[in-house]
């Protein structure tokens, strides 16, 4: 009536510990990749919304001024390109800020001990 199971040797336990550490590292890298993917998706959505909103504001403002002043396509033709230009400038500004943030993040990871 004894325990028939064999006890694992210290070599087997060491091998198991090594494999568990590798699996945890791989899982941590996967978490970082999915976080970066989500961050990129959010940034892309922000860029798209910035661009569309700027064009919509230019269109709306031009349409309103034309309706209010009775100058049918004049202000629409002026404000729509201004809205497009503002949207493009916002996109370029946001991309420049994001690039600087990512470079600073990469630099801090590079400078960190053990990195």
N, C-alpha and C. Protein backbone atom coordinates (compact mmCIF):
# COMPACT_ATOMS: atom_id res chain seq x y z
N UNK A 1 0.79 -1.18 0.00
CA UNK A 1 0.00 0.00 0.00
C UNK A 1 0.85 1.26 0.00
N UNK A 2 1.87 1.23 -0.69
CA UNK A 2 2.74 2.38 -0.78
C UNK A 2 2.42 3.21 -2.02
N UNK A 3 3.12 4.31 -2.13
CA UNK A 3 2.96 5.19 -3.29
C UNK A 3 3.84 4.65 -4.40
N UNK A 4 3.20 4.22 -5.51
CA UNK A 4 3.94 3.61 -6.61
C UNK A 4 4.51 4.65 -7.58
N UNK A 5 4.16 5.92 -7.42
CA UNK A 5 4.66 6.95 -8.33
C UNK A 5 6.12 7.23 -8.03
N UNK A 6 6.87 7.47 -9.11
CA UNK A 6 8.29 7.80 -8.96
C UNK A 6 8.42 9.30 -8.74
N UNK A 7 9.34 9.67 -7.95
CA UNK A 7 9.62 11.09 -7.74
C UNK A 7 10.51 11.56 -8.87
N UNK A 8 10.23 12.78 -9.40
CA UNK A 8 11.07 13.28 -10.48
C UNK A 8 12.46 13.63 -9.96
N UNK A 9 13.43 13.43 -10.80
CA UNK A 9 14.80 13.75 -10.42
C UNK A 9 15.02 15.25 -10.52
N UNK A 10 16.11 15.71 -9.94
CA UNK A 10 16.40 17.14 -9.98
C UNK A 10 16.69 17.59 -11.42
N UNK A 11 17.24 16.70 -12.25
CA UNK A 11 17.48 17.03 -13.66
C UNK A 11 16.15 17.27 -14.39
N UNK A 12 15.18 16.41 -14.11
CA UNK A 12 13.88 16.56 -14.75
C UNK A 12 13.19 17.85 -14.29
N UNK A 13 13.32 18.16 -13.01
CA UNK A 13 12.73 19.40 -12.49
C UNK A 13 13.42 20.63 -13.08
N UNK A 14 14.72 20.56 -13.24
CA UNK A 14 15.46 21.67 -13.85
C UNK A 14 15.04 21.88 -15.29
N UNK A 15 14.87 20.78 -16.03
CA UNK A 15 14.43 20.87 -17.42
C UNK A 15 13.01 21.45 -17.51
N UNK A 16 12.14 21.00 -16.62
CA UNK A 16 10.78 21.53 -16.60
C UNK A 16 10.78 23.04 -16.29
N UNK A 17 11.61 23.44 -15.32
CA UNK A 17 11.71 24.86 -14.97
C UNK A 17 12.20 25.69 -16.16
N UNK A 18 13.20 25.19 -16.87
CA UNK A 18 13.73 25.89 -18.04
C UNK A 18 12.66 26.04 -19.12
N UNK A 19 11.90 24.98 -19.38
CA UNK A 19 10.86 25.03 -20.39
C UNK A 19 9.72 25.98 -20.00
N UNK A 20 9.39 26.02 -18.71
CA UNK A 20 8.36 26.94 -18.23
C UNK A 20 8.81 28.40 -18.41
N UNK A 21 10.07 28.68 -18.12
CA UNK A 21 10.58 30.04 -18.28
C UNK A 21 10.55 30.46 -19.74
N UNK A 22 10.91 29.56 -20.66
CA UNK A 22 10.85 29.87 -22.09
C UNK A 22 9.42 30.15 -22.53
N UNK A 23 8.48 29.33 -22.03
CA UNK A 23 7.08 29.52 -22.41
C UNK A 23 6.55 30.86 -21.89
N UNK A 24 6.95 31.23 -20.68
CA UNK A 24 6.51 32.52 -20.13
C UNK A 24 7.08 33.68 -20.91
N UNK A 25 8.34 33.58 -21.32
CA UNK A 25 8.94 34.65 -22.13
C UNK A 25 8.22 34.78 -23.47
N UNK A 26 7.92 33.65 -24.11
CA UNK A 26 7.21 33.67 -25.39
C UNK A 26 5.82 34.26 -25.23
N UNK A 27 5.15 33.95 -24.13
CA UNK A 27 3.82 34.48 -23.87
C UNK A 27 3.88 35.99 -23.65
N UNK A 28 4.91 36.45 -22.95
CA UNK A 28 5.07 37.88 -22.69
C UNK A 28 5.33 38.64 -23.99
N UNK A 29 6.14 38.07 -24.88
CA UNK A 29 6.39 38.70 -26.19
C UNK A 29 5.10 38.78 -27.00
N UNK A 30 4.27 37.74 -26.94
CA UNK A 30 2.99 37.75 -27.65
C UNK A 30 2.07 38.83 -27.12
N UNK A 31 2.07 39.03 -25.79
CA UNK A 31 1.26 40.10 -25.20
C UNK A 31 1.72 41.47 -25.69
N UNK A 32 3.03 41.68 -25.77
CA UNK A 32 3.55 42.96 -26.24
C UNK A 32 3.18 43.19 -27.70
N UNK A 33 3.25 42.15 -28.52
CA UNK A 33 2.91 42.30 -29.94
C UNK A 33 1.44 42.64 -30.12
N UNK A 34 0.56 42.00 -29.36
CA UNK A 34 -0.86 42.31 -29.50
C UNK A 34 -1.16 43.70 -28.97
N UNK A 35 -0.43 44.15 -27.94
CA UNK A 35 -0.60 45.51 -27.43
C UNK A 35 -0.16 46.52 -28.49
N UNK A 36 0.96 46.26 -29.15
CA UNK A 36 1.43 47.15 -30.21
C UNK A 36 0.45 47.18 -31.38
N UNK A 37 -0.13 46.04 -31.71
CA UNK A 37 -1.09 45.97 -32.80
C UNK A 37 -2.32 46.80 -32.45
N UNK A 38 -2.80 46.70 -31.22
CA UNK A 38 -3.94 47.49 -30.78
C UNK A 38 -3.63 48.96 -30.77
N UNK A 39 -2.42 49.30 -30.37
CA UNK A 39 -2.00 50.70 -30.36
C UNK A 39 -1.96 51.25 -31.78
N UNK A 40 -1.47 50.47 -32.71
CA UNK A 40 -1.42 50.90 -34.11
C UNK A 40 -2.81 51.07 -34.70
N UNK A 41 -3.71 50.18 -34.35
CA UNK A 41 -5.08 50.27 -34.83
C UNK A 41 -5.74 51.53 -34.29
N UNK A 42 -5.53 51.81 -33.02
CA UNK A 42 -6.09 53.02 -32.42
C UNK A 42 -5.52 54.28 -33.06
N UNK A 43 -4.24 54.27 -33.34
CA UNK A 43 -3.61 55.43 -33.97
C UNK A 43 -4.16 55.63 -35.38
N UNK A 44 -4.31 54.56 -36.13
CA UNK A 44 -4.88 54.66 -37.47
C UNK A 44 -6.30 55.20 -37.45
N UNK A 45 -7.10 54.75 -36.49
CA UNK A 45 -8.46 55.23 -36.36
C UNK A 45 -8.47 56.72 -36.01
N UNK A 46 -7.57 57.15 -35.13
CA UNK A 46 -7.47 58.56 -34.75
C UNK A 46 -7.11 59.41 -35.97
N UNK A 47 -6.18 58.94 -36.77
CA UNK A 47 -5.77 59.67 -37.97
C UNK A 47 -6.95 59.81 -38.94
N UNK A 48 -7.69 58.71 -39.15
CA UNK A 48 -8.82 58.74 -40.06
C UNK A 48 -9.91 59.70 -39.57
N UNK A 49 -10.19 59.66 -38.28
CA UNK A 49 -11.22 60.54 -37.72
C UNK A 49 -10.78 62.00 -37.82
N UNK A 50 -9.51 62.29 -37.54
CA UNK A 50 -9.00 63.66 -37.67
C UNK A 50 -9.19 64.19 -39.08
N UNK A 51 -8.84 63.38 -40.04
CA UNK A 51 -8.93 63.81 -41.44
C UNK A 51 -10.38 64.02 -41.87
N UNK A 52 -11.24 63.08 -41.56
CA UNK A 52 -12.65 63.18 -41.96
C UNK A 52 -13.33 64.35 -41.26
N UNK A 53 -13.04 64.55 -39.98
CA UNK A 53 -13.68 65.65 -39.25
C UNK A 53 -13.24 67.01 -39.78
N UNK A 54 -11.98 67.16 -40.11
CA UNK A 54 -11.52 68.44 -40.64
C UNK A 54 -12.19 68.74 -41.98
N UNK A 55 -12.32 67.75 -42.83
CA UNK A 55 -12.99 67.95 -44.12
C UNK A 55 -14.47 68.26 -43.90
N UNK A 56 -15.11 67.56 -42.97
CA UNK A 56 -16.52 67.78 -42.69
C UNK A 56 -16.76 69.19 -42.12
N UNK A 57 -15.87 69.65 -41.25
CA UNK A 57 -16.01 71.00 -40.70
C UNK A 57 -15.83 72.04 -41.81
N UNK A 58 -14.86 71.86 -42.68
CA UNK A 58 -14.68 72.77 -43.80
C UNK A 58 -15.89 72.81 -44.70
N UNK A 59 -16.44 71.64 -45.00
CA UNK A 59 -17.63 71.56 -45.83
C UNK A 59 -18.81 72.24 -45.14
N UNK A 60 -19.03 71.91 -43.87
CA UNK A 60 -20.16 72.46 -43.13
C UNK A 60 -20.08 73.97 -42.99
N UNK A 61 -18.91 74.46 -42.67
CA UNK A 61 -18.73 75.90 -42.52
C UNK A 61 -18.95 76.63 -43.85
N UNK A 62 -18.42 76.09 -44.92
CA UNK A 62 -18.63 76.69 -46.24
C UNK A 62 -20.09 76.67 -46.65
N UNK A 63 -20.75 75.55 -46.41
CA UNK A 63 -22.17 75.43 -46.75
C UNK A 63 -23.00 76.42 -45.94
N UNK A 64 -22.72 76.52 -44.63
CA UNK A 64 -23.45 77.45 -43.77
C UNK A 64 -23.24 78.90 -44.21
N UNK A 65 -22.01 79.28 -44.49
CA UNK A 65 -21.74 80.65 -44.92
C UNK A 65 -22.43 80.96 -46.25
N UNK A 66 -22.45 80.00 -47.16
CA UNK A 66 -23.15 80.20 -48.42
C UNK A 66 -24.66 80.35 -48.20
N UNK A 67 -25.21 79.56 -47.31
CA UNK A 67 -26.65 79.64 -47.02
C UNK A 67 -26.98 80.97 -46.35
N UNK A 68 -26.14 81.37 -45.40
CA UNK A 68 -26.39 82.59 -44.64
C UNK A 68 -26.22 83.85 -45.49
N UNK A 69 -25.18 83.86 -46.33
CA UNK A 69 -24.89 85.05 -47.13
C UNK A 69 -25.49 85.00 -48.54
N UNK A 70 -26.01 83.84 -48.94
CA UNK A 70 -26.62 83.69 -50.25
C UNK A 70 -25.61 83.68 -51.40
N UNK A 71 -24.42 83.20 -51.15
CA UNK A 71 -23.35 83.14 -52.16
C UNK A 71 -23.09 81.68 -52.51
N UNK A 72 -24.00 81.08 -53.26
CA UNK A 72 -24.11 79.65 -53.44
C UNK A 72 -22.81 78.84 -53.34
N UNK A 73 -21.95 78.72 -54.32
CA UNK A 73 -20.83 77.80 -54.10
C UNK A 73 -19.54 78.48 -53.64
N UNK A 74 -19.53 79.77 -53.44
CA UNK A 74 -18.29 80.49 -53.20
C UNK A 74 -17.57 80.02 -51.93
N UNK A 75 -18.22 80.11 -50.77
CA UNK A 75 -17.54 79.75 -49.52
C UNK A 75 -17.33 78.24 -49.41
N UNK A 76 -18.21 77.48 -50.02
CA UNK A 76 -18.01 76.02 -50.04
C UNK A 76 -16.72 75.68 -50.77
N UNK A 77 -16.49 76.34 -51.91
CA UNK A 77 -15.27 76.09 -52.68
C UNK A 77 -14.02 76.62 -51.98
N UNK A 78 -14.18 77.57 -51.09
CA UNK A 78 -13.03 78.10 -50.35
C UNK A 78 -12.75 77.25 -49.10
N UNK A 79 -13.81 76.92 -48.35
CA UNK A 79 -13.64 76.26 -47.06
C UNK A 79 -13.33 74.77 -47.18
N UNK A 80 -13.83 74.13 -48.21
CA UNK A 80 -13.56 72.69 -48.37
C UNK A 80 -12.06 72.40 -48.55
N UNK A 81 -11.36 73.10 -49.45
CA UNK A 81 -9.91 72.86 -49.53
C UNK A 81 -9.16 73.26 -48.25
N UNK A 82 -9.65 74.30 -47.57
CA UNK A 82 -9.02 74.66 -46.29
C UNK A 82 -9.21 73.56 -45.25
N UNK A 83 -10.39 72.95 -45.24
CA UNK A 83 -10.63 71.81 -44.34
C UNK A 83 -9.73 70.62 -44.67
N UNK A 84 -9.56 70.37 -45.96
CA UNK A 84 -8.66 69.28 -46.37
C UNK A 84 -7.23 69.56 -45.95
N UNK A 85 -6.79 70.80 -46.15
CA UNK A 85 -5.42 71.16 -45.76
C UNK A 85 -5.24 71.04 -44.25
N UNK A 86 -6.24 71.49 -43.49
CA UNK A 86 -6.15 71.38 -42.03
C UNK A 86 -6.10 69.92 -41.60
N UNK A 87 -6.89 69.06 -42.25
CA UNK A 87 -6.87 67.63 -41.92
C UNK A 87 -5.52 67.00 -42.21
N UNK A 88 -4.94 67.35 -43.34
CA UNK A 88 -3.62 66.80 -43.70
C UNK A 88 -2.55 67.29 -42.73
N UNK A 89 -2.61 68.56 -42.35
CA UNK A 89 -1.65 69.07 -41.36
C UNK A 89 -1.81 68.37 -40.01
N UNK A 90 -3.05 68.13 -39.59
CA UNK A 90 -3.28 67.41 -38.34
C UNK A 90 -2.71 65.99 -38.40
N UNK A 91 -2.90 65.33 -39.53
CA UNK A 91 -2.38 63.97 -39.70
C UNK A 91 -0.85 63.98 -39.65
N UNK A 92 -0.23 64.94 -40.34
CA UNK A 92 1.24 65.02 -40.33
C UNK A 92 1.76 65.32 -38.93
N UNK A 93 1.10 66.21 -38.21
CA UNK A 93 1.51 66.55 -36.85
C UNK A 93 1.39 65.34 -35.92
N UNK A 94 0.27 64.63 -36.02
CA UNK A 94 0.07 63.45 -35.18
C UNK A 94 1.08 62.36 -35.50
N UNK A 95 1.39 62.18 -36.78
CA UNK A 95 2.37 61.16 -37.17
C UNK A 95 3.76 61.52 -36.65
N UNK A 96 4.11 62.79 -36.70
CA UNK A 96 5.41 63.22 -36.20
C UNK A 96 5.51 63.00 -34.69
N UNK A 97 4.44 63.32 -33.97
CA UNK A 97 4.44 63.11 -32.51
C UNK A 97 4.53 61.63 -32.18
N UNK A 98 3.79 60.81 -32.90
CA UNK A 98 3.81 59.36 -32.65
C UNK A 98 5.20 58.78 -32.95
N UNK A 99 5.82 59.24 -34.03
CA UNK A 99 7.16 58.76 -34.37
C UNK A 99 8.16 59.13 -33.29
N UNK A 100 8.08 60.35 -32.78
CA UNK A 100 8.98 60.78 -31.71
C UNK A 100 8.75 59.96 -30.45
N UNK A 101 7.48 59.66 -30.15
CA UNK A 101 7.17 58.84 -28.97
C UNK A 101 7.75 57.43 -29.10
N UNK A 102 7.60 56.86 -30.28
CA UNK A 102 8.11 55.49 -30.50
C UNK A 102 9.64 55.46 -30.47
N UNK A 103 10.29 56.49 -31.00
CA UNK A 103 11.75 56.54 -30.95
C UNK A 103 12.22 56.67 -29.50
N UNK A 104 11.54 57.50 -28.71
CA UNK A 104 11.90 57.65 -27.30
C UNK A 104 11.68 56.34 -26.56
N UNK A 105 10.61 55.63 -26.89
CA UNK A 105 10.32 54.35 -26.26
C UNK A 105 11.39 53.32 -26.62
N UNK A 106 11.78 53.28 -27.89
CA UNK A 106 12.83 52.36 -28.33
C UNK A 106 14.16 52.69 -27.66
N UNK A 107 14.44 53.98 -27.55
CA UNK A 107 15.69 54.41 -26.91
C UNK A 107 15.71 54.02 -25.44
N UNK A 108 14.56 54.18 -24.75
CA UNK A 108 14.52 53.84 -23.34
C UNK A 108 14.64 52.33 -23.14
N UNK A 109 14.08 51.55 -24.06
CA UNK A 109 14.24 50.09 -23.98
C UNK A 109 15.69 49.69 -24.23
N UNK A 110 16.33 50.40 -25.16
CA UNK A 110 17.72 50.12 -25.49
C UNK A 110 18.64 50.47 -24.32
N UNK A 111 18.35 51.59 -23.63
CA UNK A 111 19.18 52.04 -22.53
C UNK A 111 18.91 51.30 -21.23
N UNK A 112 17.78 50.62 -21.13
CA UNK A 112 17.42 49.92 -19.90
C UNK A 112 18.40 48.77 -19.65
N UNK A 113 18.73 48.53 -18.37
CA UNK A 113 19.63 47.41 -18.07
C UNK A 113 18.96 46.08 -18.42
N UNK A 114 19.74 45.23 -19.02
CA UNK A 114 19.24 43.91 -19.42
C UNK A 114 18.47 43.94 -20.71
N UNK A 115 18.44 45.08 -21.44
CA UNK A 115 17.62 45.21 -22.66
C UNK A 115 18.41 45.19 -23.85
